[in-house]
């Protein structure tokens, strides 16, 4: 059986298996060029000076609550957390 090499993509979170995982907040910021609600969430996060860049999903969720984000952004955050956890 042939084994295919793993490629590190910029939005994958890690470029090597030995490196520390990318914090959730930073991963969100990297999704700004992505379409859909996750891309919109990332664009809003980039414009927010107080966004928890090194934060985990709980900290990011707290920030959304403080900002009064609409339900679509909370749904996008849930989807983003699933994507980030799958890395």
C-alpha atoms as a PDB file:
ATOM      1  CA  UNK A   1       0.000   0.000   0.000  1.00  0.00           C
ATOM      2  CA  UNK A   2       1.315   3.444  -0.931  1.00  0.00           C
ATOM      3  CA  UNK A   3       1.291   6.107   1.756  1.00  0.00           C
ATOM      4  CA  UNK A   4       0.669   9.656   0.611  1.00  0.00           C
ATOM      5  CA  UNK A   5       2.685  12.457   2.220  1.00  0.00           C
ATOM      6  CA  UNK A   6       0.966  14.963   4.497  1.00  0.00           C
ATOM      7  CA  UNK A   7       1.044  18.512   3.242  1.00  0.00           C
ATOM      8  CA  UNK A   8       0.896  21.518   5.556  1.00  0.00           C
ATOM      9  CA  UNK A   9      -1.692  23.969   4.321  1.00  0.00           C
ATOM     10  CA  UNK A  10      -1.784  27.516   5.746  1.00  0.00           C
ATOM     11  CA  UNK A  11      -5.265  27.095   7.190  1.00  0.00           C
ATOM     12  CA  UNK A  12      -4.541  23.644   8.612  1.00  0.00           C
ATOM     13  CA  UNK A  13      -3.256  25.029  11.892  1.00  0.00           C
ATOM     14  CA  UNK A  14       0.082  23.233  12.030  1.00  0.00           C
ATOM     15  CA  UNK A  15       2.874  22.981   9.521  1.00  0.00           C
ATOM     16  CA  UNK A  16       4.469  20.049  11.330  1.00  0.00           C
ATOM     17  CA  UNK A  17       3.310  17.440  13.790  1.00  0.00           C
ATOM     18  CA  UNK A  18       5.912  18.478  16.384  1.00  0.00           C
ATOM     19  CA  UNK A  19       4.832  22.112  16.683  1.00  0.00           C
ATOM     20  CA  UNK A  20       2.409  23.499  19.235  1.00  0.00           C
ATOM     21  CA  UNK A  21      -1.198  23.632  18.057  1.00  0.00           C
ATOM     22  CA  UNK A  22      -2.327  27.002  16.762  1.00  0.00           C
ATOM     23  CA  UNK A  23      -4.566  28.762  19.311  1.00  0.00           C
ATOM     24  CA  UNK A  24      -8.218  28.809  18.305  1.00  0.00           C
ATOM     25  CA  UNK A  25      -8.341  32.605  18.130  1.00  0.00           C
ATOM     26  CA  UNK A  26      -5.392  32.747  15.724  1.00  0.00           C
ATOM     27  CA  UNK A  27      -6.885  29.945  13.638  1.00  0.00           C
ATOM     28  CA  UNK A  28     -10.121  31.962  13.334  1.00  0.00           C
ATOM     29  CA  UNK A  29      -8.152  34.988  12.120  1.00  0.00           C
ATOM     30  CA  UNK A  30      -6.562  32.854   9.381  1.00  0.00           C
ATOM     31  CA  UNK A  31     -10.020  32.028   8.013  1.00  0.00           C
ATOM     32  CA  UNK A  32     -10.726  35.583   6.773  1.00  0.00           C
ATOM     33  CA  UNK A  33     -10.455  34.562   3.100  1.00  0.00           C
ATOM     34  CA  UNK A  34     -12.800  31.649   3.632  1.00  0.00           C
ATOM     35  CA  UNK A  35     -16.343  31.964   2.382  1.00  0.00           C
ATOM     36  CA  UNK A  36     -19.522  31.638   4.354  1.00  0.00           C
ATOM     37  CA  UNK A  37     -20.214  32.466   7.954  1.00  0.00           C
ATOM     38  CA  UNK A  38     -16.807  31.352   9.219  1.00  0.00           C
ATOM     39  CA  UNK A  39     -15.190  33.846   6.843  1.00  0.00           C
ATOM     40  CA  UNK A  40     -17.538  36.554   8.108  1.00  0.00           C
ATOM     41  CA  UNK A  41     -16.695  35.638  11.699  1.00  0.00           C
ATOM     42  CA  UNK A  42     -12.984  35.872  10.894  1.00  0.00           C
ATOM     43  CA  UNK A  43     -13.411  39.255   9.205  1.00  0.00           C
ATOM     44  CA  UNK A  44     -15.266  40.594  12.249  1.00  0.00           C
ATOM     45  CA  UNK A  45     -12.583  39.176  14.554  1.00  0.00           C
ATOM     46  CA  UNK A  46      -9.850  40.911  12.543  1.00  0.00           C
ATOM     47  CA  UNK A  47     -11.541  44.266  13.031  1.00  0.00           C
ATOM     48  CA  UNK A  48     -11.979  43.733  16.793  1.00  0.00           C
ATOM     49  CA  UNK A  49      -8.935  44.993  18.711  1.00  0.00           C
ATOM     50  CA  UNK A  50      -9.998  43.092  21.836  1.00  0.00           C
ATOM     51  CA  UNK A  51     -10.516  39.755  20.059  1.00  0.00           C
ATOM     52  CA  UNK A  52      -8.780  36.994  22.087  1.00  0.00           C
ATOM     53  CA  UNK A  53      -6.118  36.045  19.535  1.00  0.00           C
ATOM     54  CA  UNK A  54      -4.597  33.412  21.792  1.00  0.00           C
ATOM     55  CA  UNK A  55      -7.964  32.419  23.199  1.00  0.00           C
ATOM     56  CA  UNK A  56      -9.679  29.077  23.251  1.00  0.00           C
ATOM     57  CA  UNK A  57     -13.256  28.538  22.011  1.00  0.00           C
ATOM     58  CA  UNK A  58     -14.704  29.488  25.417  1.00  0.00           C
ATOM     59  CA  UNK A  59     -12.889  32.844  25.427  1.00  0.00           C
ATOM     60  CA  UNK A  60     -13.937  33.580  21.848  1.00  0.00           C
ATOM     61  CA  UNK A  61     -17.545  32.695  22.715  1.00  0.00           C
ATOM     62  CA  UNK A  62     -17.409  35.089  25.694  1.00  0.00           C
ATOM     63  CA  UNK A  63     -16.196  37.852  23.376  1.00  0.00           C
ATOM     64  CA  UNK A  64     -19.060  37.205  20.951  1.00  0.00           C
ATOM     65  CA  UNK A  65     -21.519  37.428  23.837  1.00  0.00           C
ATOM     66  CA  UNK A  66     -20.006  40.722  25.026  1.00  0.00           C
ATOM     67  CA  UNK A  67     -20.321  42.131  21.518  1.00  0.00           C
ATOM     68  CA  UNK A  68     -23.941  41.020  21.179  1.00  0.00           C
ATOM     69  CA  UNK A  69     -23.207  38.890  18.123  1.00  0.00           C
ATOM     70  CA  UNK A  70     -26.184  37.565  16.211  1.00  0.00           C
ATOM     71  CA  UNK A  71     -27.107  33.847  16.271  1.00  0.00           C
ATOM     72  CA  UNK A  72     -25.467  33.253  12.865  1.00  0.00           C
ATOM     73  CA  UNK A  73     -22.075  34.204  14.302  1.00  0.00           C
ATOM     74  CA  UNK A  74     -22.582  31.800  17.211  1.00  0.00           C
ATOM     75  CA  UNK A  75     -23.444  29.074  14.714  1.00  0.00           C
ATOM     76  CA  UNK A  76     -20.308  29.948  12.725  1.00  0.00           C
ATOM     77  CA  UNK A  77     -18.281  29.710  15.926  1.00  0.00           C
ATOM     78  CA  UNK A  78     -19.674  26.225  16.602  1.00  0.00           C
ATOM     79  CA  UNK A  79     -18.758  25.139  13.061  1.00  0.00           C
ATOM     80  CA  UNK A  80     -15.302  26.703  13.368  1.00  0.00           C
ATOM     81  CA  UNK A  81     -14.676  24.890  16.636  1.00  0.00           C
ATOM     82  CA  UNK A  82     -15.529  21.567  14.983  1.00  0.00           C
ATOM     83  CA  UNK A  83     -13.142  22.332  12.104  1.00  0.00           C
ATOM     84  CA  UNK A  84     -10.361  23.421  14.483  1.00  0.00           C
ATOM     85  CA  UNK A  85     -10.793  20.313  16.674  1.00  0.00           C
ATOM     86  CA  UNK A  86     -10.461  18.083  13.615  1.00  0.00           C
ATOM     87  CA  UNK A  87      -6.922  19.334  12.904  1.00  0.00           C
END
